[in-house]
Amino acid sequence: MALKRGEVALKKLSSIVFEQFFYKLTGKINIFADKLQFVGAIYLKSGLLVHVIYRGLKGKAALKSLMRSMVQKNCSKISYIVEPEIFPRGICSMEINVNDYRNLLEEAVSESKIVSKLRPPGHLNIVLNKQCGQKNLKLSEIEKKVLGRTKIKTQVSKIYSELGADHEFDVTCALISLKKNGAISVCRDQGCS
């Protein structure tokens, strides 16, 4: 089975990371999107992945978000610059070895494929259920953001575009959770369900 462009880009990044693991290097892998826009960095110390920043996220959440977004967006214009670098101690937020990285990679790719199948069509309209406020739901930050963008009748595609392509996985999970908990309904021409 052929790999999608995003999976190829993720495989390329992973080969760079695995090389850093193998040679027990210390440094930083800068990640750039289209037109060399800086989007994140992976920090390694003596062959351990110790910190990741990606589009405002930090740590393991940033790493998984980076992996997922690469698979989901079918990236082809991602570039990397590897820099040997000494960095301050405070930047080390975790220690991920090669096996942990491999497990996170497999998990992120698997989750991305599953969620991409569950993503609702962009043309669907959703509405906020009026009874939602009475249920005392414990909402995640992304669920709060999705609800904040849900007006009288909101197209799913608008929610994805407003929250950004880098959050596709989280937005899809939030929409599924909110629908399951009755906080939102899908509106069709004949009414909402």
N, C-alpha and C. Protein backbone atom coordinates (compact mmCIF):
# COMPACT_ATOMS: atom_id res chain seq x y z
N MET A 1 0.84 -1.17 0.00
CA MET A 1 0.00 0.00 0.00
C MET A 1 0.89 1.25 0.00
N ALA A 2 0.57 2.20 -0.88
CA ALA A 2 1.36 3.41 -1.00
C ALA A 2 1.10 4.34 0.19
N LEU A 3 2.15 5.03 0.60
CA LEU A 3 2.02 5.99 1.69
C LEU A 3 1.52 7.32 1.14
N LYS A 4 0.69 8.01 1.95
CA LYS A 4 0.25 9.36 1.60
C LYS A 4 1.43 10.30 1.79
N ARG A 5 1.33 11.49 1.17
CA ARG A 5 2.42 12.47 1.30
C ARG A 5 2.73 12.81 2.74
N GLY A 6 1.69 12.94 3.56
CA GLY A 6 1.91 13.25 4.98
C GLY A 6 2.67 12.16 5.70
N GLU A 7 2.35 10.91 5.36
CA GLU A 7 3.06 9.79 5.98
C GLU A 7 4.51 9.74 5.52
N VAL A 8 4.76 10.13 4.27
CA VAL A 8 6.14 10.18 3.76
C VAL A 8 6.91 11.27 4.50
N ALA A 9 6.28 12.44 4.69
CA ALA A 9 6.93 13.54 5.42
C ALA A 9 7.23 13.14 6.86
N LEU A 10 6.28 12.44 7.48
CA LEU A 10 6.49 11.99 8.87
C LEU A 10 7.59 10.94 8.92
N LYS A 11 7.65 10.09 7.92
CA LYS A 11 8.70 9.06 7.86
C LYS A 11 10.08 9.73 7.71
N LYS A 12 10.13 10.81 6.91
CA LYS A 12 11.39 11.54 6.73
C LYS A 12 11.83 12.17 8.05
N LEU A 13 10.88 12.84 8.74
CA LEU A 13 11.20 13.44 10.04
C LEU A 13 11.65 12.36 11.02
N SER A 14 10.94 11.25 11.05
CA SER A 14 11.29 10.17 11.98
C SER A 14 12.66 9.60 11.68
N SER A 15 13.04 9.52 10.42
CA SER A 15 14.38 9.00 10.11
C SER A 15 15.45 9.95 10.65
N ILE A 16 15.18 11.24 10.62
CA ILE A 16 16.12 12.22 11.20
C ILE A 16 16.19 12.03 12.72
N VAL A 17 15.01 11.88 13.35
CA VAL A 17 14.97 11.68 14.80
C VAL A 17 15.67 10.38 15.18
N PHE A 18 15.42 9.30 14.44
CA PHE A 18 16.06 8.01 14.74
C PHE A 18 17.58 8.11 14.60
N GLU A 19 18.05 8.88 13.64
CA GLU A 19 19.49 9.08 13.48
C GLU A 19 20.07 9.78 14.72
N GLN A 20 19.33 10.77 15.24
CA GLN A 20 19.77 11.48 16.44
C GLN A 20 19.81 10.53 17.64
N PHE A 21 18.78 9.65 17.72
CA PHE A 21 18.76 8.64 18.78
C PHE A 21 19.98 7.72 18.67
N PHE A 22 20.20 7.20 17.48
CA PHE A 22 21.25 6.21 17.25
C PHE A 22 22.63 6.73 17.62
N TYR A 23 22.93 7.95 17.20
CA TYR A 23 24.25 8.52 17.47
C TYR A 23 24.32 9.27 18.81
N LYS A 24 23.21 9.23 19.58
CA LYS A 24 23.14 9.86 20.90
C LYS A 24 23.56 11.34 20.84
N LEU A 25 22.98 12.03 19.88
CA LEU A 25 23.33 13.43 19.66
C LEU A 25 22.52 14.38 20.53
N THR A 26 23.06 15.55 20.70
CA THR A 26 22.37 16.64 21.39
C THR A 26 22.16 17.75 20.37
N GLY A 27 20.95 18.23 20.31
CA GLY A 27 20.67 19.31 19.36
C GLY A 27 19.19 19.54 19.17
N LYS A 28 18.90 20.24 18.10
CA LYS A 28 17.53 20.67 17.86
C LYS A 28 17.20 20.43 16.39
N ILE A 29 16.00 19.94 16.14
CA ILE A 29 15.50 19.79 14.77
C ILE A 29 14.42 20.86 14.60
N ASN A 30 14.73 21.87 13.81
CA ASN A 30 13.76 22.93 13.53
C ASN A 30 12.83 22.44 12.43
N ILE A 31 11.54 22.74 12.58
CA ILE A 31 10.54 22.28 11.62
C ILE A 31 9.91 23.51 10.98
N PHE A 32 9.91 23.51 9.64
CA PHE A 32 9.37 24.64 8.88
C PHE A 32 8.26 24.15 7.95
N ALA A 33 7.23 24.98 7.81
CA ALA A 33 6.14 24.67 6.89
C ALA A 33 6.38 25.45 5.60
N ASP A 34 5.33 25.63 4.84
CA ASP A 34 5.41 26.35 3.58
C ASP A 34 6.18 27.65 3.72
N LYS A 35 6.99 27.95 2.73
CA LYS A 35 7.74 29.21 2.67
C LYS A 35 8.61 29.43 3.90
N LEU A 36 9.16 28.36 4.43
CA LEU A 36 10.07 28.40 5.57
C LEU A 36 9.51 29.11 6.80
N GLN A 37 8.24 28.89 7.07
CA GLN A 37 7.62 29.43 8.28
C GLN A 37 7.91 28.46 9.43
N PHE A 38 8.57 28.95 10.47
CA PHE A 38 8.90 28.12 11.63
C PHE A 38 7.61 27.68 12.33
N VAL A 39 7.46 26.36 12.54
CA VAL A 39 6.27 25.86 13.23
C VAL A 39 6.60 25.07 14.48
N GLY A 40 7.86 24.70 14.66
CA GLY A 40 8.20 23.95 15.86
C GLY A 40 9.63 23.46 15.88
N ALA A 41 9.94 22.73 16.94
CA ALA A 41 11.29 22.18 17.10
C ALA A 41 11.24 20.96 18.01
N ILE A 42 12.14 20.05 17.73
CA ILE A 42 12.32 18.85 18.56
C ILE A 42 13.71 18.95 19.16
N TYR A 43 13.80 18.84 20.48
CA TYR A 43 15.07 18.94 21.19
C TYR A 43 15.50 17.56 21.66
N LEU A 44 16.77 17.24 21.40
CA LEU A 44 17.32 15.97 21.84
C LEU A 44 18.58 16.21 22.66
N LYS A 45 18.75 15.38 23.69
CA LYS A 45 19.93 15.50 24.53
C LYS A 45 20.50 14.11 24.74
N SER A 46 21.71 13.91 24.29
CA SER A 46 22.40 12.61 24.41
C SER A 46 21.53 11.46 23.92
N GLY A 47 20.84 11.68 22.81
CA GLY A 47 20.05 10.61 22.21
C GLY A 47 18.67 10.41 22.80
N LEU A 48 18.24 11.29 23.68
CA LEU A 48 16.88 11.23 24.22
C LEU A 48 16.11 12.46 23.76
N LEU A 49 14.87 12.26 23.40
CA LEU A 49 14.01 13.38 23.03
C LEU A 49 13.54 14.02 24.34
N VAL A 50 13.90 15.28 24.54
CA VAL A 50 13.64 15.90 25.84
C VAL A 50 12.61 17.03 25.80
N HIS A 51 12.30 17.54 24.61
CA HIS A 51 11.31 18.62 24.54
C HIS A 51 10.85 18.79 23.10
N VAL A 52 9.60 19.20 22.95
CA VAL A 52 9.04 19.51 21.63
C VAL A 52 8.17 20.73 21.77
N ILE A 53 8.28 21.62 20.81
CA ILE A 53 7.33 22.73 20.69
C ILE A 53 6.73 22.63 19.29
N TYR A 54 5.43 22.88 19.21
CA TYR A 54 4.78 22.84 17.90
C TYR A 54 3.50 23.66 17.97
N ARG A 55 3.46 24.73 17.22
CA ARG A 55 2.27 25.59 17.10
C ARG A 55 1.62 25.91 18.45
N GLY A 56 2.45 26.35 19.39
CA GLY A 56 1.93 26.78 20.69
C GLY A 56 1.83 25.69 21.74
N LEU A 57 1.99 24.44 21.34
CA LEU A 57 1.95 23.33 22.29
C LEU A 57 3.37 22.99 22.72
N LYS A 58 3.48 22.30 23.87
CA LYS A 58 4.79 21.88 24.38
C LYS A 58 4.73 20.44 24.85
N GLY A 59 5.89 19.78 24.87
CA GLY A 59 5.99 18.44 25.42
C GLY A 59 5.38 17.36 24.53
N LYS A 60 4.89 16.33 25.19
CA LYS A 60 4.34 15.16 24.49
C LYS A 60 3.12 15.54 23.65
N ALA A 61 2.31 16.47 24.15
CA ALA A 61 1.13 16.92 23.39
C ALA A 61 1.56 17.55 22.07
N ALA A 62 2.64 18.32 22.09
CA ALA A 62 3.16 18.94 20.87
C ALA A 62 3.67 17.88 19.90
N LEU A 63 4.36 16.87 20.43
CA LEU A 63 4.89 15.81 19.58
C LEU A 63 3.75 15.05 18.88
N LYS A 64 2.73 14.67 19.65
CA LYS A 64 1.61 13.94 19.05
C LYS A 64 0.84 14.82 18.06
N SER A 65 0.67 16.09 18.38
CA SER A 65 -0.02 17.00 17.47
C SER A 65 0.77 17.15 16.16
N LEU A 66 2.08 17.27 16.27
CA LEU A 66 2.93 17.35 15.08
C LEU A 66 2.77 16.10 14.22
N MET A 67 2.86 14.94 14.84
CA MET A 67 2.74 13.68 14.10
C MET A 67 1.37 13.57 13.42
N ARG A 68 0.32 13.86 14.17
CA ARG A 68 -1.05 13.75 13.62
C ARG A 68 -1.26 14.73 12.48
N SER A 69 -0.83 15.98 12.67
CA SER A 69 -1.09 16.97 11.63
C SER A 69 -0.32 16.65 10.36
N MET A 70 0.85 16.06 10.48
CA MET A 70 1.60 15.67 9.28
C MET A 70 0.85 14.60 8.50
N VAL A 71 0.27 13.64 9.19
CA VAL A 71 -0.48 12.57 8.52
C VAL A 71 -1.76 13.13 7.91
N GLN A 72 -2.49 13.94 8.67
CA GLN A 72 -3.80 14.42 8.23
C GLN A 72 -3.72 15.43 7.10
N LYS A 73 -2.72 16.27 7.10
CA LYS A 73 -2.67 17.34 6.11
C LYS A 73 -2.00 16.91 4.81
N ASN A 74 -1.52 15.69 4.74
CA ASN A 74 -0.80 15.23 3.55
C ASN A 74 0.33 16.21 3.19
N CYS A 75 1.10 16.57 4.21
CA CYS A 75 2.18 17.55 4.04
C CYS A 75 3.19 17.11 3.01
N SER A 76 3.62 18.03 2.22
CA SER A 76 4.73 17.74 1.34
C SER A 76 5.76 18.87 1.41
N LYS A 77 5.35 20.01 1.95
CA LYS A 77 6.24 21.17 1.99
C LYS A 77 6.78 21.42 3.38
N ILE A 78 7.10 20.36 4.09
CA ILE A 78 7.71 20.48 5.41
C ILE A 78 9.22 20.34 5.22
N SER A 79 9.98 21.19 5.88
CA SER A 79 11.43 21.05 5.81
C SER A 79 12.01 21.08 7.22
N TYR A 80 13.22 20.58 7.33
CA TYR A 80 13.86 20.45 8.64
C TYR A 80 15.28 20.97 8.56
N ILE A 81 15.72 21.58 9.64
CA ILE A 81 17.11 21.97 9.78
C ILE A 81 17.59 21.43 11.12
N VAL A 82 18.61 20.61 11.08
CA VAL A 82 19.16 20.00 12.29
C VAL A 82 20.33 20.86 12.75
N GLU A 83 20.28 21.26 14.01
CA GLU A 83 21.33 22.08 14.59
C GLU A 83 21.91 21.41 15.81
N PRO A 84 23.22 21.20 15.84
CA PRO A 84 23.82 20.77 17.11
C PRO A 84 23.76 21.97 18.04
N GLU A 85 23.26 21.77 19.22
CA GLU A 85 23.03 22.92 20.10
C GLU A 85 23.07 22.49 21.55
N ILE A 86 23.62 23.33 22.36
CA ILE A 86 23.53 23.16 23.80
C ILE A 86 22.41 24.08 24.26
N PHE A 87 21.50 23.57 25.05
CA PHE A 87 20.38 24.39 25.49
C PHE A 87 20.23 24.31 26.99
N PRO A 88 19.55 25.27 27.58
CA PRO A 88 19.42 25.33 29.04
C PRO A 88 18.72 24.11 29.62
N ARG A 89 19.05 23.77 30.85
CA ARG A 89 18.45 22.61 31.52
C ARG A 89 16.94 22.70 31.61
N GLY A 90 16.42 23.86 31.85
CA GLY A 90 14.98 24.05 32.04
C GLY A 90 14.14 23.63 30.86
N ILE A 91 14.75 23.46 29.71
CA ILE A 91 13.97 23.12 28.52
C ILE A 91 13.59 21.63 28.49
N CYS A 92 14.23 20.82 29.28
CA CYS A 92 13.95 19.38 29.28
C CYS A 92 12.65 19.10 30.04
N SER A 93 11.60 18.76 29.30
CA SER A 93 10.30 18.53 29.92
C SER A 93 9.92 17.04 29.96
N MET A 94 10.73 16.19 29.31
CA MET A 94 10.42 14.76 29.26
C MET A 94 11.67 14.02 28.79
N GLU A 95 11.62 12.72 28.87
CA GLU A 95 12.70 11.88 28.32
C GLU A 95 12.06 10.75 27.55
N ILE A 96 12.14 10.83 26.24
CA ILE A 96 11.56 9.80 25.38
C ILE A 96 12.69 9.10 24.64
N ASN A 97 12.77 7.79 24.82
CA ASN A 97 13.80 7.03 24.12
C ASN A 97 13.26 6.55 22.78
N VAL A 98 14.08 5.84 22.04
CA VAL A 98 13.71 5.42 20.69
C VAL A 98 12.46 4.52 20.69
N ASN A 99 12.33 3.63 21.67
CA ASN A 99 11.16 2.75 21.71
C ASN A 99 9.88 3.52 22.04
N ASP A 100 9.97 4.45 22.99
CA ASP A 100 8.81 5.29 23.32
C ASP A 100 8.39 6.13 22.12
N TYR A 101 9.38 6.67 21.38
CA TYR A 101 9.09 7.46 20.19
C TYR A 101 8.38 6.60 19.14
N ARG A 102 8.90 5.42 18.94
CA ARG A 102 8.29 4.52 17.95
C ARG A 102 6.84 4.21 18.34
N ASN A 103 6.59 3.97 19.63
CA ASN A 103 5.22 3.69 20.09
C ASN A 103 4.30 4.91 19.88
N LEU A 104 4.79 6.11 20.22
CA LEU A 104 4.01 7.32 20.00
C LEU A 104 3.72 7.54 18.52
N LEU A 105 4.69 7.25 17.70
CA LEU A 105 4.54 7.40 16.26
C LEU A 105 3.44 6.48 15.73
N GLU A 106 3.49 5.21 16.12
CA GLU A 106 2.48 4.24 15.68
C GLU A 106 1.09 4.64 16.19
N GLU A 107 1.03 5.09 17.43
CA GLU A 107 -0.24 5.51 18.03
C GLU A 107 -0.82 6.73 17.30
N ALA A 108 0.02 7.71 17.02
CA ALA A 108 -0.45 8.93 16.34
C ALA A 108 -0.94 8.64 14.93
N VAL A 109 -0.22 7.80 14.20
CA VAL A 109 -0.63 7.46 12.83
C VAL A 109 -1.94 6.68 12.86
N SER A 110 -2.04 5.73 13.78
CA SER A 110 -3.26 4.92 13.91
C SER A 110 -4.47 5.80 14.28
N GLU A 111 -4.29 6.66 15.28
CA GLU A 111 -5.38 7.55 15.70
C GLU A 111 -5.81 8.48 14.57
N SER A 112 -4.83 8.99 13.83
CA SER A 112 -5.13 9.91 12.73
C SER A 112 -5.96 9.24 11.66
N LYS A 113 -5.62 8.01 11.35
CA LYS A 113 -6.37 7.28 10.32
C LYS A 113 -7.80 7.00 10.78
N ILE A 114 -7.95 6.63 12.03
CA ILE A 114 -9.29 6.35 12.57
C ILE A 114 -10.13 7.62 12.59
N VAL A 115 -9.57 8.70 13.11
CA VAL A 115 -10.32 9.94 13.23
C VAL A 115 -10.65 10.53 11.86
N SER A 116 -9.75 10.37 10.88
CA SER A 116 -10.05 10.91 9.55
C SER A 116 -11.27 10.24 8.94
N LYS A 117 -11.51 8.99 9.31
CA LYS A 117 -12.70 8.28 8.83
C LYS A 117 -13.95 8.78 9.56
N LEU A 118 -13.79 9.30 10.77
CA LEU A 118 -14.93 9.76 11.57
C LEU A 118 -15.23 11.25 11.40
N ARG A 119 -14.37 11.95 10.69
CA ARG A 119 -14.58 13.40 10.51
C ARG A 119 -15.91 13.63 9.79
N PRO A 120 -16.76 14.49 10.37
CA PRO A 120 -18.04 14.76 9.73
C PRO A 120 -17.86 15.57 8.44
N PRO A 121 -18.74 15.37 7.47
CA PRO A 121 -18.64 16.13 6.22
C PRO A 121 -18.76 17.63 6.50
N GLY A 122 -18.02 18.42 5.76
CA GLY A 122 -17.98 19.85 5.97
C GLY A 122 -19.29 20.57 5.72
N HIS A 123 -20.15 20.00 4.88
CA HIS A 123 -21.40 20.68 4.55
C HIS A 123 -22.47 20.55 5.64
N LEU A 124 -22.26 19.65 6.60
CA LEU A 124 -23.26 19.50 7.66
C LEU A 124 -23.33 20.75 8.53
N ASN A 125 -24.53 21.03 9.00
CA ASN A 125 -24.73 22.14 9.94
C ASN A 125 -24.98 21.56 11.32
N ILE A 126 -24.43 22.22 12.33
CA ILE A 126 -24.68 21.79 13.70
C ILE A 126 -25.24 22.96 14.49
N VAL A 127 -25.97 22.63 15.53
CA VAL A 127 -26.52 23.65 16.42
C VAL A 127 -26.24 23.25 17.86
N LEU A 128 -26.19 24.24 18.71
CA LEU A 128 -26.02 24.02 20.14
C LEU A 128 -27.37 23.66 20.74
N ASN A 129 -27.42 22.57 21.49
CA ASN A 129 -28.67 22.20 22.16
C ASN A 129 -28.91 23.10 23.35
N LYS A 130 -30.11 23.58 23.48
CA LYS A 130 -30.45 24.51 24.56
C LYS A 130 -30.32 23.86 25.93
N GLN A 131 -30.57 22.56 26.03
CA GLN A 131 -30.48 21.86 27.30
C GLN A 131 -29.03 21.61 27.72
N CYS A 132 -28.09 21.88 26.83
CA CYS A 132 -26.67 21.62 27.09
C CYS A 132 -26.18 22.30 28.36
N GLY A 133 -26.59 23.54 28.59
CA GLY A 133 -26.13 24.29 29.76
C GLY A 133 -26.60 23.70 31.08
N GLN A 134 -27.64 22.88 31.03
CA GLN A 134 -28.19 22.31 32.26
C GLN A 134 -27.54 20.98 32.64
N LYS A 135 -26.68 20.44 31.77
CA LYS A 135 -26.12 19.10 32.01
C LYS A 135 -24.85 19.09 32.83
N ASN A 136 -24.25 20.23 33.09
CA ASN A 136 -22.97 20.31 33.81
C ASN A 136 -21.91 19.40 33.21
N LEU A 137 -21.70 19.51 31.91
CA LEU A 137 -20.68 18.72 31.23
C LEU A 137 -19.30 19.26 31.57
N LYS A 138 -18.36 18.35 31.77
CA LYS A 138 -16.97 18.76 31.95
C LYS A 138 -16.35 18.75 30.56
N LEU A 139 -16.06 19.95 30.06
CA LEU A 139 -15.59 20.10 28.70
C LEU A 139 -14.09 20.35 28.65
N SER A 140 -13.45 19.79 27.63
CA SER A 140 -12.04 20.08 27.39
C SER A 140 -11.94 21.47 26.77
N GLU A 141 -10.73 21.99 26.68
CA GLU A 141 -10.54 23.32 26.09
C GLU A 141 -11.01 23.35 24.65
N ILE A 142 -10.70 22.31 23.90
CA ILE A 142 -11.09 22.30 22.48
C ILE A 142 -12.61 22.17 22.34
N GLU A 143 -13.26 21.43 23.25
CA GLU A 143 -14.73 21.35 23.21
C GLU A 143 -15.34 22.71 23.49
N LYS A 144 -14.74 23.47 24.41
CA LYS A 144 -15.22 24.83 24.69
C LYS A 144 -15.06 25.72 23.47
N LYS A 145 -13.94 25.57 22.77
CA LYS A 145 -13.71 26.37 21.56
C LYS A 145 -14.71 26.01 20.47
N VAL A 146 -15.00 24.71 20.31
CA VAL A 146 -15.98 24.28 19.31
C VAL A 146 -17.34 24.86 19.65
N LEU A 147 -17.75 24.74 20.91
CA LEU A 147 -19.05 25.29 21.32
C LEU A 147 -19.10 26.80 21.14
N GLY A 148 -17.99 27.46 21.38
CA GLY A 148 -17.92 28.91 21.21
C GLY A 148 -18.12 29.35 19.77
N ARG A 149 -17.85 28.46 18.84
CA ARG A 149 -18.01 28.77 17.42
C ARG A 149 -19.35 28.27 16.87
N THR A 150 -20.10 27.60 17.71
CA THR A 150 -21.38 27.06 17.27
C THR A 150 -22.47 28.09 17.52
N LYS A 151 -22.96 28.65 16.44
CA LYS A 151 -24.01 29.67 16.52
C LYS A 151 -25.36 29.01 16.25
N ILE A 152 -26.28 29.77 15.72
CA ILE A 152 -27.62 29.26 15.42
C ILE A 152 -27.52 28.02 14.54
N LYS A 153 -26.80 28.13 13.45
CA LYS A 153 -26.59 27.01 12.54
C LYS A 153 -25.18 27.19 11.97
N THR A 154 -24.27 26.33 12.32
CA THR A 154 -22.88 26.49 11.91
C THR A 154 -22.43 25.29 11.08
N GLN A 155 -21.79 25.59 9.94
CA GLN A 155 -21.27 24.51 9.11
C GLN A 155 -20.01 23.94 9.74
N VAL A 156 -19.90 22.63 9.68
CA VAL A 156 -18.74 21.93 10.24
C VAL A 156 -17.44 22.46 9.64
N SER A 157 -17.44 22.69 8.33
CA SER A 157 -16.21 23.18 7.66
C SER A 157 -15.75 24.51 8.24
N LYS A 158 -16.69 25.35 8.67
CA LYS A 158 -16.33 26.65 9.25
C LYS A 158 -15.62 26.47 10.59
N ILE A 159 -16.08 25.51 11.37
CA ILE A 159 -15.44 25.24 12.67
C ILE A 159 -14.00 24.78 12.47
N TYR A 160 -13.81 23.86 11.51
CA TYR A 160 -12.45 23.38 11.24
C TYR A 160 -11.56 24.52 10.75
N SER A 161 -12.06 25.36 9.87
CA SER A 161 -11.22 26.43 9.33
C SER A 161 -10.89 27.47 10.39
N GLU A 162 -11.84 27.78 11.28
CA GLU A 162 -11.59 28.78 12.32
C GLU A 162 -10.61 28.28 13.39
N LEU A 163 -10.64 26.98 13.66
CA LEU A 163 -9.76 26.43 14.69
C LEU A 163 -8.41 25.99 14.13
N GLY A 164 -8.27 25.97 12.82
CA GLY A 164 -6.99 25.66 12.20
C GLY A 164 -6.80 24.19 11.90
N ALA A 165 -6.13 23.96 10.79
CA ALA A 165 -5.90 22.59 10.31
C ALA A 165 -5.05 21.78 11.27
N ASP A 166 -4.23 22.44 12.07
CA ASP A 166 -3.36 21.71 12.99
C ASP A 166 -4.12 21.08 14.14
N HIS A 167 -5.37 21.45 14.30
CA HIS A 167 -6.18 20.90 15.39
C HIS A 167 -7.27 19.96 14.86
N GLU A 168 -7.12 19.47 13.65
CA GLU A 168 -8.14 18.63 13.03
C GLU A 168 -8.49 17.42 13.90
N PHE A 169 -7.49 16.75 14.41
CA PHE A 169 -7.72 15.58 15.24
C PHE A 169 -8.54 15.95 16.47
N ASP A 170 -8.12 17.00 17.17
CA ASP A 170 -8.81 17.42 18.39
C ASP A 170 -10.22 17.92 18.12
N VAL A 171 -10.40 18.65 17.02
CA VAL A 171 -11.74 19.16 16.67
C VAL A 171 -12.67 17.99 16.36
N THR A 172 -12.18 17.01 15.62
CA THR A 172 -13.00 15.84 15.29
C THR A 172 -13.41 15.11 16.56
N CYS A 173 -12.46 14.88 17.45
CA CYS A 173 -12.77 14.22 18.72
C CYS A 173 -13.78 15.03 19.53
N ALA A 174 -13.62 16.37 19.54
CA ALA A 174 -14.53 17.23 20.28
C ALA A 174 -15.94 17.17 19.70
N LEU A 175 -16.05 17.21 18.38
CA LEU A 175 -17.37 17.12 17.74
C LEU A 175 -18.06 15.80 18.07
N ILE A 176 -17.30 14.72 18.03
CA ILE A 176 -17.86 13.40 18.35
C ILE A 176 -18.33 13.37 19.80
N SER A 177 -17.49 13.87 20.71
CA SER A 177 -17.83 13.87 22.13
C SER A 177 -19.05 14.75 22.41
N LEU A 178 -19.09 15.93 21.82
CA LEU A 178 -20.20 16.86 22.04
C LEU A 178 -21.52 16.29 21.49
N LYS A 179 -21.45 15.63 20.35
CA LYS A 179 -22.66 15.00 19.79
C LYS A 179 -23.11 13.85 20.69
N LYS A 180 -22.16 13.03 21.13
CA LYS A 180 -22.47 11.90 21.99
C LYS A 180 -23.10 12.36 23.31
N ASN A 181 -22.63 13.47 23.86
CA ASN A 181 -23.14 13.99 25.13
C ASN A 181 -24.38 14.87 24.96
N GLY A 182 -24.84 15.03 23.72
CA GLY A 182 -26.05 15.80 23.48
C GLY A 182 -25.87 17.30 23.52
N ALA A 183 -24.64 17.78 23.50
CA ALA A 183 -24.40 19.22 23.54
C ALA A 183 -24.68 19.88 22.19
N ILE A 184 -24.49 19.13 21.12
CA ILE A 184 -24.77 19.65 19.77
C ILE A 184 -25.63 18.65 19.02
N SER A 185 -26.30 19.16 18.00
CA SER A 185 -27.10 18.30 17.12
C SER A 185 -26.73 18.62 15.68
N VAL A 186 -26.94 17.64 14.82
CA VAL A 186 -26.74 17.83 13.39
C VAL A 186 -28.05 18.30 12.79
N CYS A 187 -27.99 19.34 11.99
CA CYS A 187 -29.20 19.86 11.33
C CYS A 187 -29.20 19.45 9.87
N ARG A 188 -30.29 18.87 9.49
CA ARG A 188 -30.52 18.55 8.09
C ARG A 188 -31.63 19.49 7.62
N ASP A 189 -31.99 19.41 6.37
CA ASP A 189 -33.04 20.29 5.83
C ASP A 189 -34.35 20.14 6.60
N GLN A 190 -34.66 18.89 7.00
CA GLN A 190 -35.93 18.64 7.67
C GLN A 190 -35.89 18.86 9.19
N GLY A 191 -34.74 19.15 9.76
CA GLY A 191 -34.67 19.39 11.19
C GLY A 191 -33.36 18.92 11.80
N CYS A 192 -33.27 19.03 13.11
CA CYS A 192 -32.03 18.66 13.82
C CYS A 192 -32.20 17.31 14.50
N SER A 193 -31.06 16.59 14.62
CA SER A 193 -31.09 15.29 15.32
C SER A 193 -29.95 15.20 16.31
